[in-house]
Amino acid sequence: MSNQRKPRAAAPAVAHDILVASSFRDHPVRTGVATAVTLRFNAKIELSLSKVLLLTAGGKARVLEIRLAPPASRMAGLGAVAAMLMIGLLLTFYKEPVG
């Protein structure tokens, strides 16, 4: 008989972000009316690992589609493109003063 221990499988890791805000207070979900729901968490969620369920009063669950908000940096990117275009136009049509 051997005193060696059998290796154990690793325990599953479970982690949850915390819901810090939602749009339910100002815009409650109503029966038969399409409603966009906004959920804000304390950290960025991993979309491929996330699922949102809507539970009915009768206890039935329905999986909802998840869409991430567009990045705030989109406006900064558009502003940078516009600025570079303006600089390019200025350099293209600039004429040195003769004097």
PDB file of N, CA and C in Angstrom:
ATOM      1  N   MET A   1       0.826  -1.177   0.000  1.00  0.00           N
ATOM      2  CA  MET A   1       0.000   0.000   0.000  1.00  0.00           C
ATOM      3  C   MET A   1       0.873   1.243   0.000  1.00  0.00           C
ATOM      4  N   SER A   2       0.525   2.211  -0.821  1.00  0.00           N
ATOM      5  CA  SER A   2       1.324   3.415  -0.982  1.00  0.00           C
ATOM      6  C   SER A   2       0.729   4.560  -0.162  1.00  0.00           C
ATOM      7  N   ASN A   3       1.611   5.420   0.352  1.00  0.00           N
ATOM      8  CA  ASN A   3       1.166   6.581   1.116  1.00  0.00           C
ATOM      9  C   ASN A   3       0.959   7.805   0.229  1.00  0.00           C
ATOM     10  N   GLN A   4       1.055   7.651  -1.073  1.00  0.00           N
ATOM     11  CA  GLN A   4       0.886   8.789  -1.985  1.00  0.00           C
ATOM     12  C   GLN A   4      -0.580   9.166  -2.088  1.00  0.00           C
ATOM     13  N   ARG A   5      -0.823  10.457  -2.079  1.00  0.00           N
ATOM     14  CA  ARG A   5      -2.198  10.958  -2.203  1.00  0.00           C
ATOM     15  C   ARG A   5      -2.563  11.083  -3.674  1.00  0.00           C
ATOM     16  N   LYS A   6      -3.834  10.856  -3.961  1.00  0.00           N
ATOM     17  CA  LYS A   6      -4.325  11.068  -5.316  1.00  0.00           C
ATOM     18  C   LYS A   6      -4.440  12.565  -5.556  1.00  0.00           C
ATOM     19  N   PRO A   7      -4.034  13.053  -6.724  1.00  0.00           N
ATOM     20  CA  PRO A   7      -4.219  14.490  -7.005  1.00  0.00           C
ATOM     21  C   PRO A   7      -5.705  14.815  -7.115  1.00  0.00           C
ATOM     22  N   ARG A   8      -6.078  15.931  -6.532  1.00  0.00           N
ATOM     23  CA  ARG A   8      -7.476  16.355  -6.581  1.00  0.00           C
ATOM     24  C   ARG A   8      -7.677  17.324  -7.736  1.00  0.00           C
ATOM     25  N   ALA A   9      -8.876  17.320  -8.281  1.00  0.00           N
ATOM     26  CA  ALA A   9      -9.222  18.281  -9.334  1.00  0.00           C
ATOM     27  C   ALA A   9      -9.353  19.662  -8.712  1.00  0.00           C
ATOM     28  N   ALA A  10      -9.030  20.667  -9.491  1.00  0.00           N
ATOM     29  CA  ALA A  10      -9.154  22.042  -9.012  1.00  0.00           C
ATOM     30  C   ALA A  10     -10.618  22.393  -8.803  1.00  0.00           C
ATOM     31  N   ALA A  11     -10.899  23.134  -7.756  1.00  0.00           N
ATOM     32  CA  ALA A  11     -12.267  23.583  -7.487  1.00  0.00           C
ATOM     33  C   ALA A  11     -12.636  24.657  -8.499  1.00  0.00           C
ATOM     34  N   PRO A  12     -13.895  24.692  -8.932  1.00  0.00           N
ATOM     35  CA  PRO A  12     -14.288  25.725  -9.888  1.00  0.00           C
ATOM     36  C   PRO A  12     -14.180  27.115  -9.273  1.00  0.00           C
ATOM     37  N   ALA A  13     -13.741  28.066 -10.076  1.00  0.00           N
ATOM     38  CA  ALA A  13     -13.643  29.457  -9.614  1.00  0.00           C
ATOM     39  C   ALA A  13     -14.923  30.185  -9.999  1.00  0.00           C
ATOM     40  N   VAL A  14     -15.458  30.950  -9.087  1.00  0.00           N
ATOM     41  CA  VAL A  14     -16.683  31.700  -9.338  1.00  0.00           C
ATOM     42  C   VAL A  14     -16.420  33.150  -8.947  1.00  0.00           C
ATOM     43  N   ALA A  15     -16.743  34.060  -9.865  1.00  0.00           N
ATOM     44  CA  ALA A  15     -16.565  35.488  -9.584  1.00  0.00           C
ATOM     45  C   ALA A  15     -17.758  36.241 -10.163  1.00  0.00           C
ATOM     46  N   HIS A  16     -18.196  37.253  -9.470  1.00  0.00           N
ATOM     47  CA  HIS A  16     -19.333  38.037  -9.932  1.00  0.00           C
ATOM     48  C   HIS A  16     -19.012  39.511  -9.809  1.00  0.00           C
ATOM     49  N   ASP A  17     -19.368  40.249 -10.853  1.00  0.00           N
ATOM     50  CA  ASP A  17     -19.318  41.698 -10.738  1.00  0.00           C
ATOM     51  C   ASP A  17     -20.584  42.135 -10.008  1.00  0.00           C
ATOM     52  N   ILE A  18     -20.552  43.329  -9.469  1.00  0.00           N
ATOM     53  CA  ILE A  18     -21.677  43.823  -8.663  1.00  0.00           C
ATOM     54  C   ILE A  18     -22.496  44.807  -9.485  1.00  0.00           C
ATOM     55  N   LEU A  19     -23.793  44.598  -9.518  1.00  0.00           N
ATOM     56  CA  LEU A  19     -24.703  45.520 -10.189  1.00  0.00           C
ATOM     57  C   LEU A  19     -24.788  46.794  -9.346  1.00  0.00           C
ATOM     58  N   VAL A  20     -24.395  47.929  -9.933  1.00  0.00           N
ATOM     59  CA  VAL A  20     -24.385  49.184  -9.176  1.00  0.00           C
ATOM     60  C   VAL A  20     -25.520  50.123  -9.574  1.00  0.00           C
ATOM     61  N   ALA A  21     -26.125  49.905 -10.752  1.00  0.00           N
ATOM     62  CA  ALA A  21     -27.236  50.760 -11.181  1.00  0.00           C
ATOM     63  C   ALA A  21     -28.023  50.050 -12.274  1.00  0.00           C
ATOM     64  N   SER A  22     -29.302  50.407 -12.386  1.00  0.00           N
ATOM     65  CA  SER A  22     -30.133  49.885 -13.470  1.00  0.00           C
ATOM     66  C   SER A  22     -31.175  50.934 -13.842  1.00  0.00           C
ATOM     67  N   SER A  23     -31.799  50.733 -14.984  1.00  0.00           N
ATOM     68  CA  SER A  23     -32.812  51.685 -15.449  1.00  0.00           C
ATOM     69  C   SER A  23     -34.222  51.317 -14.988  1.00  0.00           C
ATOM     70  N   PHE A  24     -34.366  50.298 -14.144  1.00  0.00           N
ATOM     71  CA  PHE A  24     -35.693  49.850 -13.708  1.00  0.00           C
ATOM     72  C   PHE A  24     -36.453  50.900 -12.913  1.00  0.00           C
ATOM     73  N   ARG A  25     -35.766  51.696 -12.128  1.00  0.00           N
ATOM     74  CA  ARG A  25     -36.451  52.679 -11.273  1.00  0.00           C
ATOM     75  C   ARG A  25     -37.209  53.709 -12.117  1.00  0.00           C
ATOM     76  N   ASP A  26     -36.556  54.217 -13.150  1.00  0.00           N
ATOM     77  CA  ASP A  26     -37.175  55.248 -13.981  1.00  0.00           C
ATOM     78  C   ASP A  26     -38.024  54.674 -15.115  1.00  0.00           C
ATOM     79  N   HIS A  27     -37.711  53.443 -15.555  1.00  0.00           N
ATOM     80  CA  HIS A  27     -38.398  52.833 -16.694  1.00  0.00           C
ATOM     81  C   HIS A  27     -38.725  51.370 -16.388  1.00  0.00           C
ATOM     82  N   PRO A  28     -39.797  51.106 -15.638  1.00  0.00           N
ATOM     83  CA  PRO A  28     -40.137  49.718 -15.312  1.00  0.00           C
ATOM     84  C   PRO A  28     -40.531  48.929 -16.561  1.00  0.00           C
ATOM     85  N   VAL A  29     -40.310  47.620 -16.534  1.00  0.00           N
ATOM     86  CA  VAL A  29     -40.660  46.745 -17.645  1.00  0.00           C
ATOM     87  C   VAL A  29     -42.164  46.503 -17.614  1.00  0.00           C
ATOM     88  N   ARG A  30     -42.816  46.639 -18.774  1.00  0.00           N
ATOM     89  CA  ARG A  30     -44.261  46.439 -18.866  1.00  0.00           C
ATOM     90  C   ARG A  30     -44.551  45.289 -19.830  1.00  0.00           C
ATOM     91  N   THR A  31     -45.618  44.579 -19.563  1.00  0.00           N
ATOM     92  CA  THR A  31     -46.024  43.463 -20.409  1.00  0.00           C
ATOM     93  C   THR A  31     -46.393  43.953 -21.799  1.00  0.00           C
ATOM     94  N   GLY A  32     -45.863  43.284 -22.824  1.00  0.00           N
ATOM     95  CA  GLY A  32     -46.221  43.593 -24.207  1.00  0.00           C
ATOM     96  C   GLY A  32     -45.563  44.826 -24.788  1.00  0.00           C
ATOM     97  N   VAL A  33     -44.675  45.472 -24.053  1.00  0.00           N
ATOM     98  CA  VAL A  33     -44.002  46.683 -24.539  1.00  0.00           C
ATOM     99  C   VAL A  33     -42.504  46.425 -24.562  1.00  0.00           C
ATOM    100  N   ALA A  34     -41.889  46.621 -25.745  1.00  0.00           N
ATOM    101  CA  ALA A  34     -40.439  46.453 -25.843  1.00  0.00           C
ATOM    102  C   ALA A  34     -39.757  47.507 -24.982  1.00  0.00           C
ATOM    103  N   THR A  35     -38.879  47.074 -24.114  1.00  0.00           N
ATOM    104  CA  THR A  35     -38.226  47.981 -23.177  1.00  0.00           C
ATOM    105  C   THR A  35     -36.725  47.729 -23.174  1.00  0.00           C
ATOM    106  N   ALA A  36     -35.945  48.771 -23.364  1.00  0.00           N
ATOM    107  CA  ALA A  36     -34.489  48.653 -23.228  1.00  0.00           C
ATOM    108  C   ALA A  36     -34.149  48.788 -21.751  1.00  0.00           C
ATOM    109  N   VAL A  37     -33.316  47.919 -21.272  1.00  0.00           N
ATOM    110  CA  VAL A  37     -32.902  47.933 -19.872  1.00  0.00           C
ATOM    111  C   VAL A  37     -31.404  48.185 -19.824  1.00  0.00           C
ATOM    112  N   THR A  38     -30.984  49.107 -18.978  1.00  0.00           N
ATOM    113  CA  THR A  38     -29.570  49.398 -18.814  1.00  0.00           C
ATOM    114  C   THR A  38     -29.110  48.886 -17.459  1.00  0.00           C
ATOM    115  N   LEU A  39     -28.058  48.084 -17.463  1.00  0.00           N
ATOM    116  CA  LEU A  39     -27.464  47.565 -16.234  1.00  0.00           C
ATOM    117  C   LEU A  39     -26.026  48.042 -16.176  1.00  0.00           C
ATOM    118  N   ARG A  40     -25.616  48.615 -15.025  1.00  0.00           N
ATOM    119  CA  ARG A  40     -24.233  49.061 -14.845  1.00  0.00           C
ATOM    120  C   ARG A  40     -23.600  48.237 -13.735  1.00  0.00           C
ATOM    121  N   PHE A  41     -22.392  47.750 -14.008  1.00  0.00           N
ATOM    122  CA  PHE A  41     -21.669  46.925 -13.049  1.00  0.00           C
ATOM    123  C   PHE A  41     -20.433  47.658 -12.554  1.00  0.00           C
ATOM    124  N   ASN A  42     -19.841  47.159 -11.489  1.00  0.00           N
ATOM    125  CA  ASN A  42     -18.659  47.803 -10.914  1.00  0.00           C
ATOM    126  C   ASN A  42     -17.390  47.473 -11.694  1.00  0.00           C
ATOM    127  N   ALA A  43     -17.483  46.610 -12.704  1.00  0.00           N
ATOM    128  CA  ALA A  43     -16.330  46.254 -13.523  1.00  0.00           C
ATOM    129  C   ALA A  43     -16.833  45.888 -14.909  1.00  0.00           C
ATOM    130  N   LYS A  44     -15.919  45.827 -15.861  1.00  0.00           N
ATOM    131  CA  LYS A  44     -16.279  45.438 -17.216  1.00  0.00           C
ATOM    132  C   LYS A  44     -16.663  43.958 -17.204  1.00  0.00           C
ATOM    133  N   ILE A  45     -17.809  43.624 -17.789  1.00  0.00           N
ATOM    134  CA  ILE A  45     -18.232  42.230 -17.817  1.00  0.00           C
ATOM    135  C   ILE A  45     -17.682  41.550 -19.066  1.00  0.00           C
ATOM    136  N   GLU A  46     -17.471  40.256 -18.972  1.00  0.00           N
ATOM    137  CA  GLU A  46     -17.030  39.453 -20.111  1.00  0.00           C
ATOM    138  C   GLU A  46     -18.278  38.988 -20.843  1.00  0.00           C
ATOM    139  N   LEU A  47     -18.541  39.582 -21.989  1.00  0.00           N
ATOM    140  CA  LEU A  47     -19.781  39.336 -22.715  1.00  0.00           C
ATOM    141  C   LEU A  47     -19.977  37.853 -23.041  1.00  0.00           C
ATOM    142  N   SER A  48     -18.922  37.170 -23.441  1.00  0.00           N
ATOM    143  CA  SER A  48     -19.054  35.765 -23.832  1.00  0.00           C
ATOM    144  C   SER A  48     -19.390  34.853 -22.642  1.00  0.00           C
ATOM    145  N   LEU A  49     -19.158  35.319 -21.433  1.00  0.00           N
ATOM    146  CA  LEU A  49     -19.429  34.509 -20.237  1.00  0.00           C
ATOM    147  C   LEU A  49     -20.670  34.983 -19.485  1.00  0.00           C
ATOM    148  N   SER A  50     -21.384  35.957 -20.041  1.00  0.00           N
ATOM    149  CA  SER A  50     -22.494  36.579 -19.322  1.00  0.00           C
ATOM    150  C   SER A  50     -23.839  36.187 -19.924  1.00  0.00           C
ATOM    151  N   LYS A  51     -24.844  36.171 -19.059  1.00  0.00           N
ATOM    152  CA  LYS A  51     -26.211  35.872 -19.477  1.00  0.00           C
ATOM    153  C   LYS A  51     -27.148  36.698 -18.601  1.00  0.00           C
ATOM    154  N   VAL A  52     -28.169  37.290 -19.224  1.00  0.00           N
ATOM    155  CA  VAL A  52     -29.184  38.034 -18.483  1.00  0.00           C
ATOM    156  C   VAL A  52     -30.507  37.317 -18.676  1.00  0.00           C
ATOM    157  N   LEU A  53     -31.165  37.014 -17.567  1.00  0.00           N
ATOM    158  CA  LEU A  53     -32.456  36.334 -17.608  1.00  0.00           C
ATOM    159  C   LEU A  53     -33.540  37.261 -17.092  1.00  0.00           C
ATOM    160  N   LEU A  54     -34.702  37.220 -17.739  1.00  0.00           N
ATOM    161  CA  LEU A  54     -35.878  37.928 -17.262  1.00  0.00           C
ATOM    162  C   LEU A  54     -36.779  36.879 -16.635  1.00  0.00           C
ATOM    163  N   LEU A  55     -37.072  37.040 -15.362  1.00  0.00           N
ATOM    164  CA  LEU A  55     -37.939  36.095 -14.660  1.00  0.00           C
ATOM    165  C   LEU A  55     -39.353  36.664 -14.589  1.00  0.00           C
ATOM    166  N   THR A  56     -40.318  35.869 -15.012  1.00  0.00           N
ATOM    167  CA  THR A  56     -41.705  36.310 -14.957  1.00  0.00           C
ATOM    168  C   THR A  56     -42.263  36.089 -13.557  1.00  0.00           C
ATOM    169  N   ALA A  57     -43.426  36.654 -13.302  1.00  0.00           N
ATOM    170  CA  ALA A  57     -44.066  36.462 -11.996  1.00  0.00           C
ATOM    171  C   ALA A  57     -44.369  34.985 -11.762  1.00  0.00           C
ATOM    172  N   GLY A  58     -44.564  34.226 -12.842  1.00  0.00           N
ATOM    173  CA  GLY A  58     -44.839  32.798 -12.729  1.00  0.00           C
ATOM    174  C   GLY A  58     -43.584  31.948 -12.573  1.00  0.00           C
ATOM    175  N   GLY A  59     -42.403  32.574 -12.572  1.00  0.00           N
ATOM    176  CA  GLY A  59     -41.152  31.856 -12.369  1.00  0.00           C
ATOM    177  C   GLY A  59     -40.488  31.362 -13.635  1.00  0.00           C
ATOM    178  N   LYS A  60     -41.025  31.703 -14.802  1.00  0.00           N
ATOM    179  CA  LYS A  60     -40.389  31.300 -16.057  1.00  0.00           C
ATOM    180  C   LYS A  60     -39.241  32.254 -16.374  1.00  0.00           C
ATOM    181  N   ALA A  61     -38.158  31.700 -16.931  1.00  0.00           N
ATOM    182  CA  ALA A  61     -36.988  32.503 -17.272  1.00  0.00           C
ATOM    183  C   ALA A  61     -36.895  32.669 -18.780  1.00  0.00           C
ATOM    184  N   ARG A  62     -36.520  33.854 -19.197  1.00  0.00           N
ATOM    185  CA  ARG A  62     -36.317  34.142 -20.618  1.00  0.00           C
ATOM    186  C   ARG A  62     -34.952  34.806 -20.771  1.00  0.00           C
ATOM    187  N   VAL A  63     -34.130  34.271 -21.669  1.00  0.00           N
ATOM    188  CA  VAL A  63     -32.795  34.831 -21.901  1.00  0.00           C
ATOM    189  C   VAL A  63     -32.938  36.100 -22.734  1.00  0.00           C
ATOM    190  N   LEU A  64     -32.285  37.164 -22.300  1.00  0.00           N
ATOM    191  CA  LEU A  64     -32.334  38.441 -23.013  1.00  0.00           C
ATOM    192  C   LEU A  64     -31.041  38.673 -23.777  1.00  0.00           C
ATOM    193  N   GLU A  65     -31.140  39.428 -24.864  1.00  0.00           N
ATOM    194  CA  GLU A  65     -29.971  39.796 -25.656  1.00  0.00           C
ATOM    195  C   GLU A  65     -29.158  40.845 -24.887  1.00  0.00           C
ATOM    196  N   ILE A  66     -27.840  40.704 -24.930  1.00  0.00           N
ATOM    197  CA  ILE A  66     -26.963  41.661 -24.262  1.00  0.00           C
ATOM    198  C   ILE A  66     -26.238  42.482 -25.321  1.00  0.00           C
ATOM    199  N   ARG A  67     -26.303  43.795 -25.189  1.00  0.00           N
ATOM    200  CA  ARG A  67     -25.552  44.696 -26.069  1.00  0.00           C
ATOM    201  C   ARG A  67     -24.754  45.638 -25.197  1.00  0.00           C
ATOM    202  N   LEU A  68     -23.486  45.768 -25.490  1.00  0.00           N
ATOM    203  CA  LEU A  68     -22.650  46.696 -24.735  1.00  0.00           C
ATOM    204  C   LEU A  68     -22.844  48.107 -25.265  1.00  0.00           C
ATOM    205  N   ALA A  69     -22.713  49.079 -24.389  1.00  0.00           N
ATOM    206  CA  ALA A  69     -22.809  50.483 -24.782  1.00  0.00           C
ATOM    207  C   ALA A  69     -21.629  50.818 -25.687  1.00  0.00           C
ATOM    208  N   PRO A  70     -21.824  51.708 -26.661  1.00  0.00           N
ATOM    209  CA  PRO A  70     -20.703  52.092 -27.523  1.00  0.00           C
ATOM    210  C   PRO A  70     -19.619  52.771 -26.694  1.00  0.00           C
ATOM    211  N   PRO A  71     -18.373  52.577 -27.057  1.00  0.00           N
ATOM    212  CA  PRO A  71     -17.288  53.169 -26.266  1.00  0.00           C
ATOM    213  C   PRO A  71     -17.316  54.689 -26.315  1.00  0.00           C
ATOM    214  N   ALA A  72     -17.017  55.290 -25.191  1.00  0.00           N
ATOM    215  CA  ALA A  72     -16.986  56.756 -25.102  1.00  0.00           C
ATOM    216  C   ALA A  72     -15.866  57.323 -25.963  1.00  0.00           C
ATOM    217  N   SER A  73     -14.858  56.522 -26.250  1.00  0.00           N
ATOM    218  CA  SER A  73     -13.716  57.008 -27.024  1.00  0.00           C
ATOM    219  C   SER A  73     -14.062  57.207 -28.494  1.00  0.00           C
ATOM    220  N   ARG A  74     -15.236  56.768 -28.932  1.00  0.00           N
ATOM    221  CA  ARG A  74     -15.613  56.939 -30.339  1.00  0.00           C
ATOM    222  C   ARG A  74     -15.625  58.414 -30.722  1.00  0.00           C
ATOM    223  N   MET A  75     -16.159  59.279 -29.855  1.00  0.00           N
ATOM    224  CA  MET A  75     -16.199  60.712 -30.157  1.00  0.00           C
ATOM    225  C   MET A  75     -14.791  61.292 -30.224  1.00  0.00           C
ATOM    226  N   ALA A  76     -13.922  60.851 -29.350  1.00  0.00           N
ATOM    227  CA  ALA A  76     -12.541  61.332 -29.382  1.00  0.00           C
ATOM    228  C   ALA A  76     -11.877  60.924 -30.687  1.00  0.00           C
ATOM    229  N   GLY A  77     -12.143  59.713 -31.144  1.00  0.00           N
ATOM    230  CA  GLY A  77     -11.573  59.240 -32.410  1.00  0.00           C
ATOM    231  C   GLY A  77     -12.072  60.055 -33.583  1.00  0.00           C
ATOM    232  N   LEU A  78     -13.371  60.369 -33.598  1.00  0.00           N
ATOM    233  CA  LEU A  78     -13.924  61.187 -34.678  1.00  0.00           C
ATOM    234  C   LEU A  78     -13.344  62.598 -34.645  1.00  0.00           C
ATOM    235  N   GLY A  79     -13.157  63.129 -33.452  1.00  0.00           N
ATOM    236  CA  GLY A  79     -12.551  64.463 -33.319  1.00  0.00           C
ATOM    237  C   GLY A  79     -11.120  64.476 -33.829  1.00  0.00           C
ATOM    238  N   ALA A  80     -10.367  63.412 -33.546  1.00  0.00           N
ATOM    239  CA  ALA A  80      -8.981  63.333 -34.018  1.00  0.00           C
ATOM    240  C   ALA A  80      -8.923  63.259 -35.536  1.00  0.00           C
ATOM    241  N   VAL A  81      -9.822  62.506 -36.152  1.00  0.00           N
ATOM    242  CA  VAL A  81      -9.864  62.409 -37.617  1.00  0.00           C
ATOM    243  C   VAL A  81     -10.184  63.774 -38.213  1.00  0.00           C
ATOM    244  N   ALA A  82     -11.163  64.470 -37.659  1.00  0.00           N
ATOM    245  CA  ALA A  82     -11.535  65.797 -38.159  1.00  0.00           C
ATOM    246  C   ALA A  82     -10.367  66.772 -38.024  1.00  0.00           C
ATOM    247  N   ALA A  83      -9.657  66.721 -36.898  1.00  0.00           N
ATOM    248  CA  ALA A  83      -8.524  67.625 -36.685  1.00  0.00           C
ATOM    249  C   ALA A  83      -7.407  67.344 -37.695  1.00  0.00           C
ATOM    250  N   MET A  84      -7.124  66.059 -37.940  1.00  0.00           N
ATOM    251  CA  MET A  84      -6.071  65.716 -38.907  1.00  0.00           C
ATOM    252  C   MET A  84      -6.460  66.157 -40.317  1.00  0.00           C
ATOM    253  N   LEU A  85      -7.734  66.039 -40.670  1.00  0.00           N
ATOM    254  CA  LEU A  85      -8.219  66.479 -41.972  1.00  0.00           C
ATOM    255  C   LEU A  85      -8.047  67.987 -42.117  1.00  0.00           C
ATOM    256  N   MET A  86      -8.378  68.726 -41.072  1.00  0.00           N
ATOM    257  CA  MET A  86      -8.223  70.195 -41.113  1.00  0.00           C
ATOM    258  C   MET A  86      -6.754  70.581 -41.270  1.00  0.00           C
ATOM    259  N   ILE A  87      -5.883  69.915 -40.546  1.00  0.00           N
ATOM    260  CA  ILE A  87      -4.444  70.209 -40.656  1.00  0.00           C
ATOM    261  C   ILE A  87      -3.955  69.898 -42.062  1.00  0.00           C
ATOM    262  N   GLY A  88      -4.395  68.768 -42.619  1.00  0.00           N
ATOM    263  CA  GLY A  88      -4.008  68.410 -43.986  1.00  0.00           C
ATOM    264  C   GLY A  88      -4.463  69.451 -44.991  1.00  0.00           C
ATOM    265  N   LEU A  89      -5.692  69.926 -44.872  1.00  0.00           N
ATOM    266  CA  LEU A  89      -6.203  70.959 -45.775  1.00  0.00           C
ATOM    267  C   LEU A  89      -5.430  72.260 -45.616  1.00  0.00           C
ATOM    268  N   LEU A  90      -5.125  72.621 -44.381  1.00  0.00           N
ATOM    269  CA  LEU A  90      -4.360  73.843 -44.128  1.00  0.00           C
ATOM    270  C   LEU A  90      -2.989  73.764 -44.785  1.00  0.00           C
ATOM    271  N   LEU A  91      -2.302  72.651 -44.637  1.00  0.00           N
ATOM    272  CA  LEU A  91      -0.968  72.486 -45.226  1.00  0.00           C
ATOM    273  C   LEU A  91      -1.022  72.421 -46.748  1.00  0.00           C
ATOM    274  N   THR A  92      -2.094  71.870 -47.290  1.00  0.00           N
ATOM    275  CA  THR A  92      -2.230  71.759 -48.745  1.00  0.00           C
ATOM    276  C   THR A  92      -2.416  73.127 -49.391  1.00  0.00           C
ATOM    277  N   PHE A  93      -3.209  73.972 -48.796  1.00  0.00           N
ATOM    278  CA  PHE A  93      -3.548  75.251 -49.412  1.00  0.00           C
ATOM    279  C   PHE A  93      -2.806  76.449 -48.803  1.00  0.00           C
ATOM    280  N   TYR A  94      -1.854  76.227 -47.929  1.00  0.00           N
ATOM    281  CA  TYR A  94      -1.118  77.322 -47.295  1.00  0.00           C
ATOM    282  C   TYR A  94      -0.134  77.910 -48.288  1.00  0.00           C
ATOM    283  N   LYS A  95      -0.072  79.243 -48.345  1.00  0.00           N
ATOM    284  CA  LYS A  95       0.889  79.944 -49.201  1.00  0.00           C
ATOM    285  C   LYS A  95       1.704  80.876 -48.328  1.00  0.00           C
ATOM    286  N   GLU A  96       3.034  80.828 -48.530  1.00  0.00           N
ATOM    287  CA  GLU A  96       3.932  81.715 -47.782  1.00  0.00           C
ATOM    288  C   GLU A  96       3.710  83.165 -48.238  1.00  0.00           C
ATOM    289  N   PRO A  97       3.692  84.088 -47.318  1.00  0.00           N
ATOM    290  CA  PRO A  97       3.576  85.480 -47.728  1.00  0.00           C
ATOM    291  C   PRO A  97       4.839  85.931 -48.480  1.00  0.00           C
ATOM    292  N   VAL A  98       4.646  86.670 -49.538  1.00  0.00           N
ATOM    293  CA  VAL A  98       5.782  87.181 -50.324  1.00  0.00           C
ATOM    294  C   VAL A  98       6.139  88.540 -49.762  1.00  0.00           C
ATOM    295  N   GLY A  99       7.433  88.723 -49.543  1.00  0.00           N
ATOM    296  CA  GLY A  99       7.688  90.025 -49.002  1.00  0.00           C
ATOM    297  C   GLY A  99       9.038  90.437 -48.891  1.00  0.00           C
TER     298      GLY A  99
END
